[in-house]
């Protein structure tokens, strides 16, 4: 059995996903090869989302590169051939939660102060198509509209009800490691094949989507209205 690998999201603030951190996480996942992975956050947060200061500073070309980088990281997690368990040890918001949703299993903290949710739509952000499909895959059909359209931030109990988490535990990292150990006992080739079949096509890009991404989605991320909202949030 290949030994499991722990990858920690560790960045400024509440592990904000800036370009540097995303490149580092991508490198760690690639270096892990076919090993089972436990993904968790440093300190009292999993990841509170994208680095909004960086997002607010980017022009169109740089924003396209930033979003492509985020997409590559999510695809790397989503398509990892071995089990991936996310130990959601604290806040998991927007892009941070998307990383957790790309995992096979999600164990959340019981700390009621943690906030978990996808607040992109209320912020005026447009989901890149591949990320949207990965989120759709992970969410129960019965709660997708509530989670995505309302964009509220939830406490762990509510996140469990909505299907953002599979279970809660006082020690999500320890519990996540136990789950990963059990999943790692499954014959790797069979697990890899079944996972690939289940997730087939979710992360595949197409020409039409790429055109929409460049023509509509990237401009929305650099619009004056969005930059004004982000600037107000960062004051």
Protein backbone atom coordinates (compact mmCIF):
# COMPACT_ATOMS: atom_id res chain seq x y z
CA UNK A 1 0.00 0.00 0.00
CA UNK A 2 1.32 3.46 -0.93
CA UNK A 3 1.69 5.60 2.17
CA UNK A 4 -0.81 8.47 2.43
CA UNK A 5 0.46 12.03 2.01
CA UNK A 6 -0.77 15.07 3.95
CA UNK A 7 -0.96 18.34 2.03
CA UNK A 8 -1.58 21.48 4.05
CA UNK A 9 -3.07 24.71 2.74
CA UNK A 10 -0.91 27.33 4.47
CA UNK A 11 -1.04 30.95 3.42
CA UNK A 12 -1.61 34.50 4.55
CA UNK A 13 -4.74 35.43 6.44
CA UNK A 14 -6.99 32.40 6.62
CA UNK A 15 -4.98 30.48 4.01
CA UNK A 16 -6.05 32.78 1.18
CA UNK A 17 -5.53 31.25 -2.24
CA UNK A 18 -3.14 33.54 -4.04
CA UNK A 19 -1.08 32.60 -7.09
CA UNK A 20 1.94 31.53 -5.06
CA UNK A 21 -0.01 29.24 -2.74
CA UNK A 22 -1.98 27.67 -5.60
CA UNK A 23 1.23 26.92 -7.52
CA UNK A 24 2.72 25.35 -4.39
CA UNK A 25 -0.37 23.18 -3.79
CA UNK A 26 -0.39 22.11 -7.42
CA UNK A 27 3.26 21.06 -7.16
CA UNK A 28 2.58 19.09 -3.96
CA UNK A 29 -0.31 17.20 -5.58
CA UNK A 30 1.76 16.38 -8.63
CA UNK A 31 4.66 15.22 -6.47
CA UNK A 32 2.31 12.90 -4.55
CA UNK A 33 1.88 10.73 -7.63
CA UNK A 34 -0.72 8.05 -6.96
CA UNK A 35 -0.60 8.33 -3.16
CA UNK A 36 -3.78 8.77 -1.09
CA UNK A 37 -3.98 12.38 0.10
CA UNK A 38 -5.27 14.11 3.21
CA UNK A 39 -5.92 17.78 2.43
CA UNK A 40 -6.31 20.19 5.32
CA UNK A 41 -5.63 23.78 6.33
CA UNK A 42 -3.10 25.44 8.59
CA UNK A 43 -4.28 26.83 11.91
CA UNK A 44 -7.99 27.35 12.45
CA UNK A 45 -9.05 27.53 8.79
CA UNK A 46 -9.18 25.23 5.78
CA UNK A 47 -9.18 28.16 3.35
CA UNK A 48 -11.36 31.25 3.49
CA UNK A 49 -11.16 31.60 -0.28
CA UNK A 50 -9.22 33.43 -2.95
CA UNK A 51 -6.76 36.19 -2.09
CA UNK A 52 -9.12 39.09 -2.74
CA UNK A 53 -6.33 41.66 -2.65
CA UNK A 54 -4.65 39.89 -5.52
CA UNK A 55 -7.95 39.44 -7.36
CA UNK A 56 -8.75 43.15 -7.00
CA UNK A 57 -5.35 44.09 -8.43
CA UNK A 58 -5.46 41.96 -11.58
CA UNK A 59 -6.06 43.18 -15.11
CA UNK A 60 -7.77 41.08 -17.76
CA UNK A 61 -4.81 39.04 -19.02
CA UNK A 62 -3.51 38.36 -15.52
CA UNK A 63 -7.00 37.47 -14.31
CA UNK A 64 -7.33 34.88 -17.07
CA UNK A 65 -4.03 33.31 -15.94
CA UNK A 66 -5.15 33.41 -12.29
CA UNK A 67 -8.44 31.64 -13.01
CA UNK A 68 -6.71 29.07 -15.21
CA UNK A 69 -4.34 28.35 -12.33
CA UNK A 70 -7.28 27.85 -9.95
CA UNK A 71 -8.88 25.56 -12.52
CA UNK A 72 -5.71 23.46 -12.86
CA UNK A 73 -5.52 23.04 -9.08
CA UNK A 74 -9.16 21.97 -8.76
CA UNK A 75 -8.79 19.55 -11.69
CA UNK A 76 -5.64 18.09 -10.13
CA UNK A 77 -7.54 17.37 -6.90
CA UNK A 78 -10.75 16.21 -8.59
CA UNK A 79 -8.99 13.82 -10.98
CA UNK A 80 -6.39 12.49 -8.51
CA UNK A 81 -6.41 8.71 -9.08
CA UNK A 82 -6.20 7.75 -5.40
CA UNK A 83 -8.49 8.69 -2.49
CA UNK A 84 -8.50 12.33 -1.40
CA UNK A 85 -10.03 13.25 1.95
CA UNK A 86 -10.53 16.90 2.91
CA UNK A 87 -10.27 17.58 6.64
CA UNK A 88 -12.20 20.85 6.80
CA UNK A 89 -10.76 22.12 10.06
CA UNK A 90 -12.28 25.62 9.92
CA UNK A 91 -13.53 28.23 7.48
CA UNK A 92 -14.00 26.89 3.92
CA UNK A 93 -15.39 29.66 1.76
CA UNK A 94 -15.78 30.16 -1.99
CA UNK A 95 -12.59 28.92 -3.70
CA UNK A 96 -11.49 27.28 -0.47
CA UNK A 97 -14.66 25.21 -0.34
CA UNK A 98 -14.31 24.31 -4.02
CA UNK A 99 -10.98 22.64 -3.18
CA UNK A 100 -12.74 20.59 -0.49
CA UNK A 101 -15.63 19.72 -2.82
CA UNK A 102 -13.10 18.33 -5.32
CA UNK A 103 -12.08 15.71 -2.75
CA UNK A 104 -13.69 12.26 -2.41
CA UNK A 105 -14.74 12.72 1.22
CA UNK A 106 -15.10 15.76 3.48
CA UNK A 107 -14.91 15.74 7.27
CA UNK A 108 -15.79 19.03 8.93
CA UNK A 109 -15.03 20.57 12.29
CA UNK A 110 -17.71 20.72 14.98
CA UNK A 111 -16.61 24.27 15.84
CA UNK A 112 -19.77 26.31 15.38
CA UNK A 113 -17.77 29.45 14.58
CA UNK A 114 -16.51 27.99 11.31
CA UNK A 115 -18.21 29.32 8.19
CA UNK A 116 -18.64 27.16 5.11
CA UNK A 117 -20.23 28.11 1.81
CA UNK A 118 -20.04 29.28 -1.80
CA UNK A 119 -20.70 33.02 -1.80
CA UNK A 120 -19.56 33.74 -5.37
CA UNK A 121 -22.98 34.68 -6.76
CA UNK A 122 -23.81 37.31 -4.08
CA UNK A 123 -20.35 38.81 -4.71
CA UNK A 124 -21.14 39.07 -8.41
CA UNK A 125 -18.60 36.45 -9.48
CA UNK A 126 -19.15 34.06 -12.38
CA UNK A 127 -18.05 30.43 -12.05
CA UNK A 128 -15.61 29.18 -14.70
CA UNK A 129 -17.35 26.21 -16.40
CA UNK A 130 -15.03 23.42 -15.22
CA UNK A 131 -15.23 24.61 -11.61
CA UNK A 132 -19.00 24.86 -11.83
CA UNK A 133 -19.30 21.27 -13.06
CA UNK A 134 -17.02 20.01 -10.29
CA UNK A 135 -19.21 21.77 -7.73
CA UNK A 136 -22.38 20.40 -9.35
CA UNK A 137 -20.94 16.90 -9.18
CA UNK A 138 -20.22 17.19 -5.46
CA UNK A 139 -23.49 18.79 -4.33
CA UNK A 140 -26.74 16.88 -3.81
CA UNK A 141 -29.31 17.91 -6.46
CA UNK A 142 -31.79 18.80 -3.71
CA UNK A 143 -29.57 21.55 -2.28
CA UNK A 144 -27.65 22.88 -5.31
CA UNK A 145 -29.86 25.89 -5.92
CA UNK A 146 -29.90 26.92 -2.27
CA UNK A 147 -26.13 26.60 -1.96
CA UNK A 148 -25.19 28.23 -5.26
CA UNK A 149 -27.86 30.88 -5.84
CA UNK A 150 -28.32 32.11 -2.28
CA UNK A 151 -24.59 31.90 -1.55
CA UNK A 152 -24.94 31.94 2.23
CA UNK A 153 -22.18 31.00 4.66
CA UNK A 154 -23.21 28.18 6.98
CA UNK A 155 -22.15 26.74 10.29
CA UNK A 156 -20.91 23.12 10.20
CA UNK A 157 -24.25 21.58 11.14
CA UNK A 158 -26.02 23.39 8.33
CA UNK A 159 -23.18 22.58 5.93
CA UNK A 160 -23.69 18.91 6.79
CA UNK A 161 -27.43 19.18 6.09
CA UNK A 162 -26.73 20.76 2.72
CA UNK A 163 -24.26 18.09 1.69
CA UNK A 164 -21.21 20.35 1.75
CA UNK A 165 -19.70 17.94 4.28
CA UNK A 166 -20.12 14.20 4.72
CA UNK A 167 -19.66 14.21 8.49
CA UNK A 168 -18.48 16.29 11.45
CA UNK A 169 -15.86 15.46 14.05
CA UNK A 170 -14.16 17.19 16.97
CA UNK A 171 -10.85 16.21 15.35
CA UNK A 172 -11.44 16.40 11.59
CA UNK A 173 -7.78 15.81 10.77
CA UNK A 174 -7.58 12.64 12.87
CA UNK A 175 -10.91 11.38 11.59
CA UNK A 176 -9.93 12.24 8.02
CA UNK A 177 -6.71 10.27 8.39
CA UNK A 178 -8.68 7.25 9.64
CA UNK A 179 -11.03 7.42 6.66
CA UNK A 180 -8.10 7.75 4.29
CA UNK A 181 -6.39 4.72 5.79
CA UNK A 182 -9.53 2.64 5.16
CA UNK A 183 -9.95 3.91 1.61
CA UNK A 184 -6.28 3.19 0.93
CA UNK A 185 -6.91 -0.52 1.63
CA UNK A 186 -9.14 -0.74 -1.46
CA UNK A 187 -7.21 -2.20 -4.45
CA UNK A 188 -5.71 0.93 -6.05
CA UNK A 189 -6.36 -0.04 -9.67
CA UNK A 190 -10.02 -0.77 -8.98
CA UNK A 191 -10.46 2.47 -7.03
CA UNK A 192 -8.76 4.48 -9.78
CA UNK A 193 -10.90 2.93 -12.52
CA UNK A 194 -14.20 3.37 -10.70
CA UNK A 195 -13.40 6.95 -9.69
CA UNK A 196 -12.42 7.84 -13.27
CA UNK A 197 -15.66 6.35 -14.59
CA UNK A 198 -17.78 8.19 -12.03
CA UNK A 199 -16.12 11.52 -12.79
CA UNK A 200 -15.69 11.07 -16.55
CA UNK A 201 -16.11 14.29 -18.53
CA UNK A 202 -16.54 16.62 -15.55
CA UNK A 203 -13.18 18.38 -15.97
CA UNK A 204 -13.00 18.19 -19.78
CA UNK A 205 -12.89 21.62 -21.42
CA UNK A 206 -14.45 22.37 -24.80
CA UNK A 207 -14.03 25.12 -27.39
CA UNK A 208 -17.41 26.74 -26.76
CA UNK A 209 -16.78 26.97 -23.03
CA UNK A 210 -13.31 28.37 -23.59
CA UNK A 211 -14.75 31.08 -25.84
CA UNK A 212 -17.35 31.99 -23.21
CA UNK A 213 -14.67 31.98 -20.51
CA UNK A 214 -12.56 34.52 -22.41
CA UNK A 215 -15.43 36.63 -23.72
CA UNK A 216 -17.75 36.75 -20.70
CA UNK A 217 -16.36 35.28 -17.50
CA UNK A 218 -12.92 36.89 -17.32
CA UNK A 219 -14.34 40.37 -18.09
CA UNK A 220 -16.87 39.91 -15.27
CA UNK A 221 -14.00 39.28 -12.85
CA UNK A 222 -12.28 42.56 -13.79
CA UNK A 223 -15.38 44.75 -14.13
CA UNK A 224 -15.43 48.12 -12.33
CA UNK A 225 -18.48 47.06 -10.30
CA UNK A 226 -16.73 43.95 -8.98
CA UNK A 227 -13.53 45.84 -8.21
CA UNK A 228 -15.56 48.40 -6.26
CA UNK A 229 -17.26 45.65 -4.23
CA UNK A 230 -13.94 43.99 -3.47
CA UNK A 231 -12.33 47.28 -2.50
CA UNK A 232 -15.18 47.97 -0.09
CA UNK A 233 -14.75 44.52 1.47
CA UNK A 234 -11.00 45.04 1.90
CA UNK A 235 -11.24 48.39 3.69
